[in-house]
C-alpha cells in the first residue's frame, strides 16, 4: 500500500536529501546523540547545535489528543490554521493545505536524516496509519473539526474579517472532504536543519489545488518526499 502513492509534488530532491543526510552523520556527536535520545539516557549532554537533538520536545512521549494510532506512530493535528489570511504578518505560520496533519513516532526518533535501515520502516507505518484512518468516516470528521478549532484558536475572541474569511474557506473544505481519497494526499519530511521540532514528524498534506489555495507555499522547497527519503536511506544502508 505504501508504494502506491499517486501524488508526490515534493519528489525529485534526492541530491538534497543525500547532502542533508551526509551533513547530519558527519557531525561528531550524531551517533551518540541519536542513541541517547532513543534510549532516553538521563543526564546526556547533547551538542549545542542549531535545531539539534534535545532531551525533550513538544512531541516527545505525546499524551495529548490523537486521531488514530498504530504500534509505533500517532496521527495528530496541526495547531496552526490552514488559512494565510489569519497570519498577515507571518504567512509561513499557516498550514500547507486545508488538511495538513502530522504523524509522529511514539518512540524517540529525532528526524528523517537520523533514520537507518532498522528504523526507516516507521515511514511506511505512518503512511499506512493515515491511509487506514482516512477510510474511517469518524476520523475524517474529527480531522475536519480540528481544522475549525484551529481557526477558532487563532482568532481568539477577535472574530474580525480575517476570521470570517477563514470560516468561509473552511465551509468549502466541509463541502469537499468526503470527495478526497488517499490518493489526494502526499507525505513530507523537513530534514535537519530545516526541521521545526526535534522529533520525527511527517507532514500529511492534501494536494488538490482547491485544498492549497488558501494556505502557505513557503515551506514547499524544504519539504522532502517521505518515500524518496525512505528509499535513499534503504539504499544507503546497503552500501
Protein backbone atom coordinates (compact mmCIF):
# COMPACT_ATOMS: atom_id res chain seq x y z
CA UNK A 1 0.00 0.00 0.00
CA UNK A 2 2.77 2.47 0.88
CA UNK A 3 4.43 2.13 -2.52
CA UNK A 4 1.25 3.18 -4.29
CA UNK A 5 1.36 6.94 -3.66
CA UNK A 6 -0.01 8.77 -6.65
CA UNK A 7 0.60 12.40 -5.73
CA UNK A 8 4.20 13.32 -4.88
CA UNK A 9 4.77 17.05 -5.54
CA UNK A 10 7.83 17.19 -3.27
CA UNK A 11 9.72 14.36 -5.01
CA UNK A 12 12.80 14.92 -7.14
CA UNK A 13 15.12 16.22 -4.40
CA UNK A 14 17.35 13.17 -3.99
CA UNK A 15 20.55 15.21 -4.23
CA UNK A 16 19.50 17.50 -1.40
CA UNK A 17 18.35 14.51 0.66
CA UNK A 18 21.80 12.98 0.25
CA UNK A 19 23.53 16.21 1.24
CA UNK A 20 21.42 16.71 4.36
CA UNK A 21 21.79 13.07 5.39
CA UNK A 22 25.58 13.16 4.99
CA UNK A 23 25.88 16.51 6.74
CA UNK A 24 24.00 15.14 9.73
CA UNK A 25 26.03 11.95 10.07
CA UNK A 26 29.30 13.82 9.59
CA UNK A 27 28.64 15.66 12.85
CA UNK A 28 30.91 14.35 15.58
CA UNK A 29 28.19 13.62 18.13
CA UNK A 30 25.42 12.46 15.76
CA UNK A 31 25.53 8.78 16.68
CA UNK A 32 25.80 9.21 20.44
CA UNK A 33 23.12 11.90 20.50
CA UNK A 34 20.71 9.85 18.37
CA UNK A 35 21.23 6.86 20.66
CA UNK A 36 20.82 8.95 23.81
CA UNK A 37 17.52 10.40 22.60
CA UNK A 38 16.26 6.99 21.51
CA UNK A 39 17.20 5.37 24.81
CA UNK A 40 16.17 8.40 26.90
CA UNK A 41 19.57 8.44 28.54
CA UNK A 42 19.32 10.60 31.67
CA UNK A 43 21.83 13.40 32.02
CA UNK A 44 23.19 13.11 28.49
CA UNK A 45 24.74 16.33 27.19
CA UNK A 46 23.63 16.94 23.63
CA UNK A 47 25.67 19.00 21.18
CA UNK A 48 24.88 22.70 21.19
CA UNK A 49 23.94 22.87 17.53
CA UNK A 50 21.02 24.73 15.94
CA UNK A 51 17.85 22.63 15.72
CA UNK A 52 19.79 19.65 17.08
CA UNK A 53 18.61 16.81 19.29
CA UNK A 54 17.35 17.79 22.73
CA UNK A 55 16.29 15.73 25.72
CA UNK A 56 12.62 16.56 25.22
CA UNK A 57 10.38 18.25 22.63
CA UNK A 58 6.67 19.08 22.30
CA UNK A 59 6.20 15.69 20.59
CA UNK A 60 8.27 13.58 23.00
CA UNK A 61 6.08 10.99 24.78
CA UNK A 62 2.95 12.64 23.38
CA UNK A 63 -0.04 12.26 25.73
CA UNK A 64 -2.49 14.66 24.11
CA UNK A 65 -5.29 14.09 21.60
CA UNK A 66 -4.72 11.95 18.57
CA UNK A 67 -6.90 10.93 15.62
CA UNK A 68 -5.54 7.39 15.46
CA UNK A 69 -2.53 5.31 16.41
CA UNK A 70 -0.61 2.21 15.43
CA UNK A 71 2.06 0.27 17.27
CA UNK A 72 4.76 2.89 16.72
CA UNK A 73 3.02 6.01 15.39
CA UNK A 74 0.35 8.58 16.22
CA UNK A 75 -1.79 10.70 13.91
CA UNK A 76 -2.22 14.19 15.36
CA UNK A 77 -3.46 17.63 14.38
CA UNK A 78 -1.53 20.70 13.32
CA UNK A 79 -2.12 23.55 15.77
CA UNK A 80 -1.96 26.20 13.02
CA UNK A 81 -4.94 27.33 10.99
CA UNK A 82 -4.69 26.37 7.33
CA UNK A 83 -5.54 29.89 6.19
CA UNK A 84 -2.85 32.50 5.50
CA UNK A 85 -5.48 35.21 5.88
CA UNK A 86 -5.17 34.70 9.64
CA UNK A 87 -1.40 35.32 9.54
CA UNK A 88 -0.94 38.65 7.69
CA UNK A 89 2.47 39.25 9.29
CA UNK A 90 3.77 35.67 9.19
CA UNK A 91 2.13 33.69 6.39
CA UNK A 92 4.59 30.83 6.88
CA UNK A 93 2.88 30.04 10.18
CA UNK A 94 -0.23 28.83 8.35
CA UNK A 95 -0.66 25.22 7.33
CA UNK A 96 0.36 24.00 3.89
CA UNK A 97 -3.14 22.86 2.97
CA UNK A 98 -6.73 22.85 4.18
CA UNK A 99 -5.83 19.44 5.57
CA UNK A 100 -2.33 19.43 6.98
CA UNK A 101 -1.95 16.96 9.82
CA UNK A 102 1.01 15.01 11.14
CA UNK A 103 2.14 11.54 12.03
CA UNK A 104 4.69 11.35 14.83
CA UNK A 105 6.71 8.46 16.20
CA UNK A 106 5.86 7.12 19.64
CA UNK A 107 9.49 6.27 20.24
CA UNK A 108 12.26 8.83 20.45
CA UNK A 109 13.32 9.18 16.83
CA UNK A 110 14.91 12.53 16.01
CA UNK A 111 14.40 13.22 12.31
CA UNK A 112 14.26 11.69 8.85
CA UNK A 113 18.04 12.06 8.48
CA UNK A 114 18.67 10.08 11.67
CA UNK A 115 16.75 7.01 10.49
CA UNK A 116 18.63 3.87 9.47
CA UNK A 117 17.66 0.51 7.96
CA UNK A 118 16.38 -0.65 11.35
CA UNK A 119 14.11 2.32 11.95
CA UNK A 120 13.17 3.64 8.49
CA UNK A 121 10.13 1.34 8.34
CA UNK A 122 8.41 3.91 10.57
CA UNK A 123 7.79 5.92 7.39
CA UNK A 124 5.74 3.10 5.91
CA UNK A 125 3.89 2.63 9.19
CA UNK A 126 2.97 6.32 9.31
CA UNK A 127 1.71 6.32 5.72
CA UNK A 128 -0.32 3.15 6.30
CA UNK A 129 -1.77 4.57 9.52
CA UNK A 130 -3.03 7.61 7.66
CA UNK A 131 -4.48 5.63 4.76
CA UNK A 132 -6.31 3.24 7.06
CA UNK A 133 -7.57 6.09 9.22
CA UNK A 134 -8.73 8.27 6.33
CA UNK A 135 -11.07 5.48 5.22
CA UNK A 136 -12.90 5.80 8.55
CA UNK A 137 -15.65 8.49 8.38
CA UNK A 138 -15.33 9.21 12.10
CA UNK A 139 -11.65 10.04 11.70
CA UNK A 140 -12.41 12.29 8.73
CA UNK A 141 -14.93 14.20 10.81
CA UNK A 142 -12.51 14.52 13.70
CA UNK A 143 -9.90 15.95 11.32
CA UNK A 144 -12.48 18.33 9.84
CA UNK A 145 -13.48 19.58 13.29
CA UNK A 146 -9.85 20.07 14.20
CA UNK A 147 -9.44 22.44 11.23
CA UNK A 148 -12.36 24.50 12.56
CA UNK A 149 -10.89 24.51 16.05
CA UNK A 150 -7.52 25.73 14.74
CA UNK A 151 -9.26 28.69 13.09
CA UNK A 152 -11.11 29.47 16.33
CA UNK A 153 -7.96 29.25 18.43
CA UNK A 154 -6.04 31.56 16.13
CA UNK A 155 -8.85 34.11 16.17
CA UNK A 156 -9.42 34.02 19.92
CA UNK A 157 -12.18 36.46 20.78
CA UNK A 158 -11.42 38.61 17.74
CA UNK A 159 -13.95 37.48 15.15
CA UNK A 160 -12.82 40.03 12.58
CA UNK A 161 -12.80 39.95 8.80
CA UNK A 162 -9.90 37.51 8.63
CA UNK A 163 -11.76 35.10 10.89
CA UNK A 164 -14.91 35.39 8.79
CA UNK A 165 -12.93 34.73 5.61
CA UNK A 166 -11.27 31.69 7.14
CA UNK A 167 -14.63 30.28 8.20
CA UNK A 168 -15.96 30.77 4.66
CA UNK A 169 -12.95 28.86 3.35
CA UNK A 170 -13.49 26.17 5.96
CA UNK A 171 -17.03 25.67 4.64
CA UNK A 172 -15.51 24.88 1.24
CA UNK A 173 -13.46 22.16 2.91
CA UNK A 174 -16.53 20.89 4.72
CA UNK A 175 -18.31 20.50 1.39
CA UNK A 176 -15.47 18.60 -0.28
CA UNK A 177 -13.97 16.48 2.49
CA UNK A 178 -15.82 13.29 1.59
CA UNK A 179 -14.66 13.61 -2.03
CA UNK A 180 -11.00 13.38 -1.01
CA UNK A 181 -9.38 9.97 -1.08
CA UNK A 182 -5.96 8.72 -0.04
CA UNK A 183 -4.50 9.48 -3.48
CA UNK A 184 -5.16 13.19 -2.88
CA UNK A 185 -2.53 13.29 -0.11
CA UNK A 186 1.22 13.43 -0.03
CA UNK A 187 3.73 12.81 2.75
CA UNK A 188 6.61 15.14 3.50
CA UNK A 189 9.55 15.49 5.87
CA UNK A 190 11.52 18.54 6.94
CA UNK A 191 15.02 17.16 7.25
CA UNK A 192 17.51 18.63 9.69
CA UNK A 193 18.38 21.51 9.78
CA UNK A 194 15.06 22.50 8.16
CA UNK A 195 13.05 20.93 10.99
CA UNK A 196 10.95 22.93 13.44
CA UNK A 197 10.73 20.24 16.14
CA UNK A 198 13.49 17.77 17.04
CA UNK A 199 11.27 14.71 16.96
CA UNK A 200 10.27 12.71 13.89
CA UNK A 201 7.07 14.03 12.39
CA UNK A 202 5.65 13.51 8.92
CA UNK A 203 3.56 16.21 7.26
CA UNK A 204 0.41 14.81 5.65
CA UNK A 205 -0.93 17.28 3.12
CA UNK A 206 -4.00 17.34 0.87
CA UNK A 207 -2.62 18.30 -2.54
CA UNK A 208 -5.53 19.27 -4.85
CA UNK A 209 -5.21 22.96 -5.83
CA UNK A 210 -8.54 23.79 -4.20
CA UNK A 211 -7.15 22.46 -0.91
CA UNK A 212 -3.97 24.54 -1.03
CA UNK A 213 -5.16 27.87 -2.43
CA UNK A 214 -5.64 29.48 1.00
CA UNK A 215 -2.51 28.01 2.56
CA UNK A 216 1.22 28.73 2.59
CA UNK A 217 3.66 27.60 -0.07
CA UNK A 218 6.68 28.95 1.80
CA UNK A 219 7.75 25.52 3.04
CA UNK A 220 7.45 23.65 -0.26
CA UNK A 221 11.12 23.96 -1.14
CA UNK A 222 12.38 22.46 2.12
CA UNK A 223 9.78 19.68 2.17
CA UNK A 224 11.19 16.34 1.05
CA UNK A 225 9.08 13.47 -0.23
CA UNK A 226 8.95 10.91 2.59
CA UNK A 227 9.10 7.93 0.25
CA UNK A 228 12.13 9.39 -1.51
CA UNK A 229 13.82 9.80 1.89
CA UNK A 230 12.92 6.21 2.81
CA UNK A 231 14.31 4.83 -0.44
CA UNK A 232 17.54 6.80 -0.09
CA UNK A 233 18.12 5.51 3.44
CA UNK A 234 17.42 1.93 2.38
CA UNK A 235 19.89 2.24 -0.47
CA UNK A 236 22.47 4.00 1.69
CA UNK A 237 22.19 1.33 4.38
CA UNK A 238 23.17 -1.34 1.86
CA UNK A 239 26.45 0.37 0.90
